Amino acid sequence: MDLLLEPLAWLLVILVSVLGVIGNLALYSVGKRGYDAVRDRFPQIKRERWERVATLYERHGSLALLLSGVPVLGSLLTTAAGAFGVRLPVFVLFVFIAKCVRNWLILVIPRELYLLFTR
């Protein structure tokens, strides 16, 4: 895959990933204020969903943030990270990794599909 050797592709993925982490810091800060603040800000997050995320964090710890690149689930995971006391440097690292993977896939998959159907 020649995109792996393309510096501009890496720069784009890293830049968009950093912006994604910055956006998720807002959710992290809401979570730092606790479940009541989360419920007030996001009433669609029901107690049972919150408890499932708590179980995920109990089982896997901060590694659960590696799923934060998944749309919708990522917002819940990053909000919960603040509430469950994930340290900020760990949060930034795991969310950045997740965003890089997601953004790389967003860059590569359409290109590969295009090449597949135009050959």
N, C-alpha and C. Protein backbone atom coordinates (compact mmCIF):
# COMPACT_ATOMS: atom_id res chain seq x y z
N MET A 1 0.85 -1.16 0.00
CA MET A 1 0.00 0.00 0.00
C MET A 1 0.90 1.23 0.00
N ASP A 2 0.92 1.96 -1.09
CA ASP A 2 1.81 3.10 -1.22
C ASP A 2 1.45 4.27 -0.33
N LEU A 3 0.24 4.30 0.22
CA LEU A 3 -0.12 5.37 1.15
C LEU A 3 0.70 5.32 2.44
N LEU A 4 1.19 4.13 2.79
CA LEU A 4 2.01 4.01 3.99
C LEU A 4 3.30 4.81 3.88
N LEU A 5 3.75 5.05 2.67
CA LEU A 5 4.98 5.79 2.44
C LEU A 5 4.74 7.25 2.10
N GLU A 6 3.51 7.66 2.14
CA GLU A 6 3.14 9.02 1.75
C GLU A 6 3.10 9.95 2.97
N PRO A 7 4.09 10.85 3.09
CA PRO A 7 4.13 11.74 4.27
C PRO A 7 2.88 12.61 4.42
N LEU A 8 2.33 13.06 3.31
CA LEU A 8 1.14 13.92 3.39
C LEU A 8 -0.05 13.15 3.99
N ALA A 9 -0.16 11.87 3.66
CA ALA A 9 -1.24 11.05 4.23
C ALA A 9 -1.07 10.94 5.74
N TRP A 10 0.15 10.69 6.19
CA TRP A 10 0.41 10.60 7.63
C TRP A 10 0.14 11.93 8.32
N LEU A 11 0.56 13.01 7.70
CA LEU A 11 0.32 14.33 8.28
C LEU A 11 -1.17 14.59 8.43
N LEU A 12 -1.93 14.24 7.40
CA LEU A 12 -3.38 14.42 7.45
C LEU A 12 -4.01 13.59 8.56
N VAL A 13 -3.62 12.33 8.66
CA VAL A 13 -4.17 11.44 9.70
C VAL A 13 -3.82 11.97 11.09
N ILE A 14 -2.59 12.38 11.29
CA ILE A 14 -2.17 12.89 12.60
C ILE A 14 -2.89 14.18 12.94
N LEU A 15 -2.99 15.09 11.99
CA LEU A 15 -3.67 16.36 12.24
C LEU A 15 -5.14 16.15 12.60
N VAL A 16 -5.84 15.35 11.83
CA VAL A 16 -7.26 15.11 12.10
C VAL A 16 -7.42 14.36 13.43
N SER A 17 -6.49 13.48 13.74
CA SER A 17 -6.55 12.74 15.00
C SER A 17 -6.34 13.66 16.20
N VAL A 18 -5.40 14.57 16.09
CA VAL A 18 -5.18 15.54 17.17
C VAL A 18 -6.43 16.39 17.38
N LEU A 19 -7.05 16.81 16.29
CA LEU A 19 -8.29 17.59 16.42
C LEU A 19 -9.39 16.76 17.07
N GLY A 20 -9.44 15.47 16.76
CA GLY A 20 -10.42 14.58 17.39
C GLY A 20 -10.20 14.44 18.88
N VAL A 21 -8.93 14.34 19.27
CA VAL A 21 -8.61 14.26 20.70
C VAL A 21 -9.03 15.54 21.41
N ILE A 22 -8.74 16.67 20.79
CA ILE A 22 -9.12 17.96 21.39
C ILE A 22 -10.64 18.02 21.58
N GLY A 23 -11.38 17.56 20.58
CA GLY A 23 -12.84 17.54 20.71
C GLY A 23 -13.31 16.63 21.83
N ASN A 24 -12.64 15.50 21.99
CA ASN A 24 -13.03 14.56 23.04
C ASN A 24 -12.64 15.05 24.43
N LEU A 25 -11.72 15.98 24.51
CA LEU A 25 -11.37 16.55 25.82
C LEU A 25 -12.57 17.27 26.45
N ALA A 26 -13.43 17.83 25.62
CA ALA A 26 -14.63 18.48 26.15
C ALA A 26 -15.54 17.44 26.82
N LEU A 27 -15.70 16.28 26.19
CA LEU A 27 -16.51 15.21 26.78
C LEU A 27 -15.86 14.68 28.05
N TYR A 28 -14.54 14.55 28.03
CA TYR A 28 -13.79 14.10 29.21
C TYR A 28 -14.05 15.05 30.38
N SER A 29 -14.05 16.36 30.10
CA SER A 29 -14.26 17.33 31.19
C SER A 29 -15.69 17.26 31.73
N VAL A 30 -16.67 16.97 30.88
CA VAL A 30 -18.04 16.79 31.37
C VAL A 30 -18.07 15.57 32.30
N GLY A 31 -17.42 14.49 31.88
CA GLY A 31 -17.37 13.28 32.69
C GLY A 31 -16.70 13.50 34.03
N LYS A 32 -15.69 14.37 34.08
CA LYS A 32 -14.98 14.66 35.34
C LYS A 32 -15.93 15.19 36.40
N ARG A 33 -17.04 15.79 35.96
CA ARG A 33 -18.00 16.35 36.91
C ARG A 33 -18.98 15.30 37.44
N GLY A 34 -18.90 14.05 36.95
CA GLY A 34 -19.71 12.96 37.48
C GLY A 34 -20.94 12.64 36.65
N TYR A 35 -21.58 11.55 37.03
CA TYR A 35 -22.72 11.05 36.27
C TYR A 35 -23.86 12.05 36.20
N ASP A 36 -24.13 12.77 37.28
CA ASP A 36 -25.23 13.73 37.28
C ASP A 36 -25.01 14.81 36.22
N ALA A 37 -23.77 15.29 36.11
CA ALA A 37 -23.45 16.29 35.08
C ALA A 37 -23.60 15.69 33.69
N VAL A 38 -23.19 14.45 33.55
CA VAL A 38 -23.33 13.76 32.25
C VAL A 38 -24.81 13.63 31.91
N ARG A 39 -25.60 13.19 32.87
CA ARG A 39 -27.04 13.01 32.63
C ARG A 39 -27.71 14.34 32.29
N ASP A 40 -27.29 15.42 32.96
CA ASP A 40 -27.86 16.73 32.66
C ASP A 40 -27.50 17.19 31.25
N ARG A 41 -26.25 16.94 30.86
CA ARG A 41 -25.77 17.39 29.55
C ARG A 41 -26.26 16.47 28.43
N PHE A 42 -26.31 15.16 28.70
CA PHE A 42 -26.69 14.16 27.71
C PHE A 42 -27.80 13.27 28.27
N PRO A 43 -29.04 13.75 28.28
CA PRO A 43 -30.13 12.96 28.88
C PRO A 43 -30.39 11.64 28.16
N GLN A 44 -29.91 11.51 26.94
CA GLN A 44 -30.12 10.26 26.20
C GLN A 44 -29.28 9.10 26.73
N ILE A 45 -28.29 9.40 27.57
CA ILE A 45 -27.48 8.33 28.17
C ILE A 45 -28.21 7.84 29.41
N LYS A 46 -28.80 6.69 29.28
CA LYS A 46 -29.56 6.11 30.39
C LYS A 46 -28.63 5.41 31.37
N ARG A 47 -29.11 5.23 32.57
CA ARG A 47 -28.33 4.61 33.65
C ARG A 47 -27.80 3.23 33.24
N GLU A 48 -28.62 2.41 32.58
CA GLU A 48 -28.19 1.05 32.21
C GLU A 48 -27.02 1.09 31.21
N ARG A 49 -27.06 2.02 30.27
CA ARG A 49 -25.94 2.15 29.32
C ARG A 49 -24.68 2.60 30.06
N TRP A 50 -24.86 3.53 30.98
CA TRP A 50 -23.74 4.02 31.77
C TRP A 50 -23.12 2.87 32.58
N GLU A 51 -23.96 2.03 33.14
CA GLU A 51 -23.46 0.90 33.93
C GLU A 51 -22.72 -0.12 33.07
N ARG A 52 -23.18 -0.31 31.81
CA ARG A 52 -22.46 -1.20 30.90
C ARG A 52 -21.07 -0.67 30.58
N VAL A 53 -20.98 0.63 30.41
CA VAL A 53 -19.67 1.24 30.16
C VAL A 53 -18.80 1.13 31.40
N ALA A 54 -19.39 1.28 32.57
CA ALA A 54 -18.63 1.12 33.82
C ALA A 54 -18.07 -0.30 33.91
N THR A 55 -18.86 -1.29 33.52
CA THR A 55 -18.39 -2.68 33.52
C THR A 55 -17.24 -2.86 32.53
N LEU A 56 -17.34 -2.22 31.38
CA LEU A 56 -16.26 -2.28 30.39
C LEU A 56 -14.96 -1.72 30.97
N TYR A 57 -15.07 -0.59 31.67
CA TYR A 57 -13.88 0.01 32.30
C TYR A 57 -13.35 -0.87 33.43
N GLU A 58 -14.24 -1.51 34.18
CA GLU A 58 -13.80 -2.40 35.26
C GLU A 58 -13.02 -3.58 34.70
N ARG A 59 -13.47 -4.12 33.59
CA ARG A 59 -12.81 -5.29 32.99
C ARG A 59 -11.52 -4.95 32.27
N HIS A 60 -11.52 -3.83 31.53
CA HIS A 60 -10.40 -3.53 30.64
C HIS A 60 -9.63 -2.27 30.99
N GLY A 61 -10.11 -1.52 31.94
CA GLY A 61 -9.42 -0.29 32.32
C GLY A 61 -9.37 0.70 31.17
N SER A 62 -8.30 1.45 31.13
CA SER A 62 -8.14 2.49 30.12
C SER A 62 -8.05 1.95 28.71
N LEU A 63 -7.75 0.66 28.57
CA LEU A 63 -7.69 0.06 27.23
C LEU A 63 -9.03 0.16 26.50
N ALA A 64 -10.10 0.32 27.25
CA ALA A 64 -11.42 0.50 26.62
C ALA A 64 -11.41 1.71 25.69
N LEU A 65 -10.55 2.67 25.97
CA LEU A 65 -10.49 3.87 25.14
C LEU A 65 -9.98 3.58 23.73
N LEU A 66 -9.41 2.41 23.52
CA LEU A 66 -8.99 2.06 22.16
C LEU A 66 -10.18 1.88 21.23
N LEU A 67 -11.38 1.78 21.81
CA LEU A 67 -12.61 1.72 21.02
C LEU A 67 -13.22 3.11 20.80
N SER A 68 -12.53 4.14 21.27
CA SER A 68 -13.11 5.49 21.18
C SER A 68 -13.16 6.04 19.76
N GLY A 69 -12.57 5.35 18.82
CA GLY A 69 -12.67 5.76 17.43
C GLY A 69 -13.98 5.34 16.79
N VAL A 70 -14.73 4.49 17.47
CA VAL A 70 -16.02 4.03 16.95
C VAL A 70 -17.06 5.13 17.18
N PRO A 71 -17.72 5.58 16.11
CA PRO A 71 -18.72 6.64 16.30
C PRO A 71 -19.78 6.26 17.33
N VAL A 72 -20.28 7.21 18.04
CA VAL A 72 -21.27 7.13 19.11
C VAL A 72 -20.67 6.45 20.35
N LEU A 73 -20.18 5.25 20.22
CA LEU A 73 -19.55 4.56 21.35
C LEU A 73 -18.38 5.38 21.88
N GLY A 74 -17.62 5.97 20.98
CA GLY A 74 -16.46 6.76 21.38
C GLY A 74 -16.83 7.94 22.27
N SER A 75 -17.93 8.59 21.96
CA SER A 75 -18.38 9.73 22.78
C SER A 75 -18.71 9.28 24.19
N LEU A 76 -19.38 8.16 24.29
CA LEU A 76 -19.73 7.63 25.61
C LEU A 76 -18.48 7.20 26.38
N LEU A 77 -17.56 6.54 25.69
CA LEU A 77 -16.33 6.07 26.34
C LEU A 77 -15.46 7.24 26.83
N THR A 78 -15.37 8.29 26.02
CA THR A 78 -14.52 9.41 26.43
C THR A 78 -15.16 10.22 27.56
N THR A 79 -16.48 10.29 27.55
CA THR A 79 -17.16 10.97 28.66
C THR A 79 -16.98 10.17 29.95
N ALA A 80 -17.15 8.86 29.84
CA ALA A 80 -17.01 7.99 31.01
C ALA A 80 -15.57 7.99 31.53
N ALA A 81 -14.60 8.15 30.65
CA ALA A 81 -13.20 8.17 31.09
C ALA A 81 -12.97 9.26 32.13
N GLY A 82 -13.58 10.40 31.91
CA GLY A 82 -13.45 11.47 32.90
C GLY A 82 -14.10 11.11 34.22
N ALA A 83 -15.27 10.51 34.13
CA ALA A 83 -16.02 10.15 35.34
C ALA A 83 -15.34 9.03 36.12
N PHE A 84 -14.68 8.13 35.42
CA PHE A 84 -14.06 6.97 36.08
C PHE A 84 -12.60 7.21 36.43
N GLY A 85 -12.15 8.43 36.30
CA GLY A 85 -10.83 8.80 36.79
C GLY A 85 -9.65 8.38 35.93
N VAL A 86 -9.85 8.20 34.64
CA VAL A 86 -8.71 7.90 33.77
C VAL A 86 -7.81 9.13 33.75
N ARG A 87 -6.54 8.92 33.98
CA ARG A 87 -5.59 10.04 34.00
C ARG A 87 -5.51 10.68 32.61
N LEU A 88 -5.36 11.98 32.58
CA LEU A 88 -5.36 12.73 31.33
C LEU A 88 -4.31 12.26 30.32
N PRO A 89 -3.05 12.02 30.71
CA PRO A 89 -2.07 11.56 29.71
C PRO A 89 -2.44 10.21 29.10
N VAL A 90 -2.99 9.32 29.91
CA VAL A 90 -3.42 8.01 29.42
C VAL A 90 -4.60 8.19 28.46
N PHE A 91 -5.54 9.04 28.84
CA PHE A 91 -6.68 9.36 28.00
C PHE A 91 -6.23 9.86 26.64
N VAL A 92 -5.35 10.84 26.64
CA VAL A 92 -4.88 11.44 25.38
C VAL A 92 -4.18 10.40 24.51
N LEU A 93 -3.33 9.57 25.11
CA LEU A 93 -2.60 8.57 24.34
C LEU A 93 -3.54 7.56 23.68
N PHE A 94 -4.45 6.96 24.46
CA PHE A 94 -5.32 5.93 23.91
C PHE A 94 -6.33 6.49 22.92
N VAL A 95 -6.85 7.67 23.19
CA VAL A 95 -7.80 8.27 22.25
C VAL A 95 -7.07 8.64 20.96
N PHE A 96 -5.85 9.15 21.07
CA PHE A 96 -5.07 9.48 19.88
C PHE A 96 -4.82 8.24 19.03
N ILE A 97 -4.45 7.14 19.65
CA ILE A 97 -4.22 5.89 18.91
C ILE A 97 -5.51 5.46 18.20
N ALA A 98 -6.62 5.49 18.92
CA ALA A 98 -7.90 5.08 18.34
C ALA A 98 -8.29 5.99 17.17
N LYS A 99 -8.09 7.28 17.33
CA LYS A 99 -8.43 8.22 16.26
C LYS A 99 -7.52 8.02 15.06
N CYS A 100 -6.24 7.73 15.28
CA CYS A 100 -5.33 7.48 14.17
C CYS A 100 -5.76 6.25 13.36
N VAL A 101 -6.12 5.19 14.05
CA VAL A 101 -6.57 3.98 13.36
C VAL A 101 -7.83 4.28 12.55
N ARG A 102 -8.79 4.92 13.18
CA ARG A 102 -10.04 5.24 12.49
C ARG A 102 -9.79 6.14 11.28
N ASN A 103 -9.00 7.18 11.47
CA ASN A 103 -8.76 8.12 10.38
C ASN A 103 -7.94 7.50 9.26
N TRP A 104 -7.05 6.60 9.61
CA TRP A 104 -6.28 5.89 8.58
C TRP A 104 -7.23 5.03 7.74
N LEU A 105 -8.14 4.35 8.41
CA LEU A 105 -9.11 3.53 7.68
C LEU A 105 -10.02 4.38 6.80
N ILE A 106 -10.40 5.54 7.30
CA ILE A 106 -11.23 6.46 6.52
C ILE A 106 -10.48 6.92 5.28
N LEU A 107 -9.18 7.07 5.39
CA LEU A 107 -8.36 7.49 4.25
C LEU A 107 -8.12 6.34 3.27
N VAL A 108 -7.85 5.16 3.79
CA VAL A 108 -7.42 4.03 2.95
C VAL A 108 -8.59 3.30 2.28
N ILE A 109 -9.65 3.03 3.01
CA ILE A 109 -10.73 2.19 2.47
C ILE A 109 -11.36 2.77 1.20
N PRO A 110 -11.74 4.04 1.17
CA PRO A 110 -12.32 4.55 -0.07
C PRO A 110 -11.34 4.48 -1.25
N ARG A 111 -10.09 4.74 -0.98
CA ARG A 111 -9.07 4.68 -2.04
C ARG A 111 -8.94 3.26 -2.57
N GLU A 112 -8.88 2.29 -1.66
CA GLU A 112 -8.74 0.90 -2.08
C GLU A 112 -9.98 0.42 -2.84
N LEU A 113 -11.16 0.85 -2.41
CA LEU A 113 -12.38 0.49 -3.14
C LEU A 113 -12.37 1.11 -4.54
N TYR A 114 -11.93 2.34 -4.62
CA TYR A 114 -11.83 3.00 -5.93
C TYR A 114 -10.89 2.22 -6.84
N LEU A 115 -9.71 1.87 -6.32
CA LEU A 115 -8.74 1.13 -7.12
C LEU A 115 -9.28 -0.25 -7.50
N LEU A 116 -10.00 -0.86 -6.61
CA LEU A 116 -10.56 -2.19 -6.88
C LEU A 116 -11.54 -2.16 -8.05
N PHE A 117 -12.38 -1.13 -8.08
CA PHE A 117 -13.42 -1.07 -9.10
C PHE A 117 -13.00 -0.37 -10.38
N THR A 118 -11.83 0.22 -10.40
CA THR A 118 -11.37 0.90 -11.63
C THR A 118 -10.27 0.13 -12.33
N ARG A 119 -9.89 -1.00 -11.85
CA ARG A 119 -8.83 -1.78 -12.51
C ARG A 119 -9.37 -2.57 -13.65
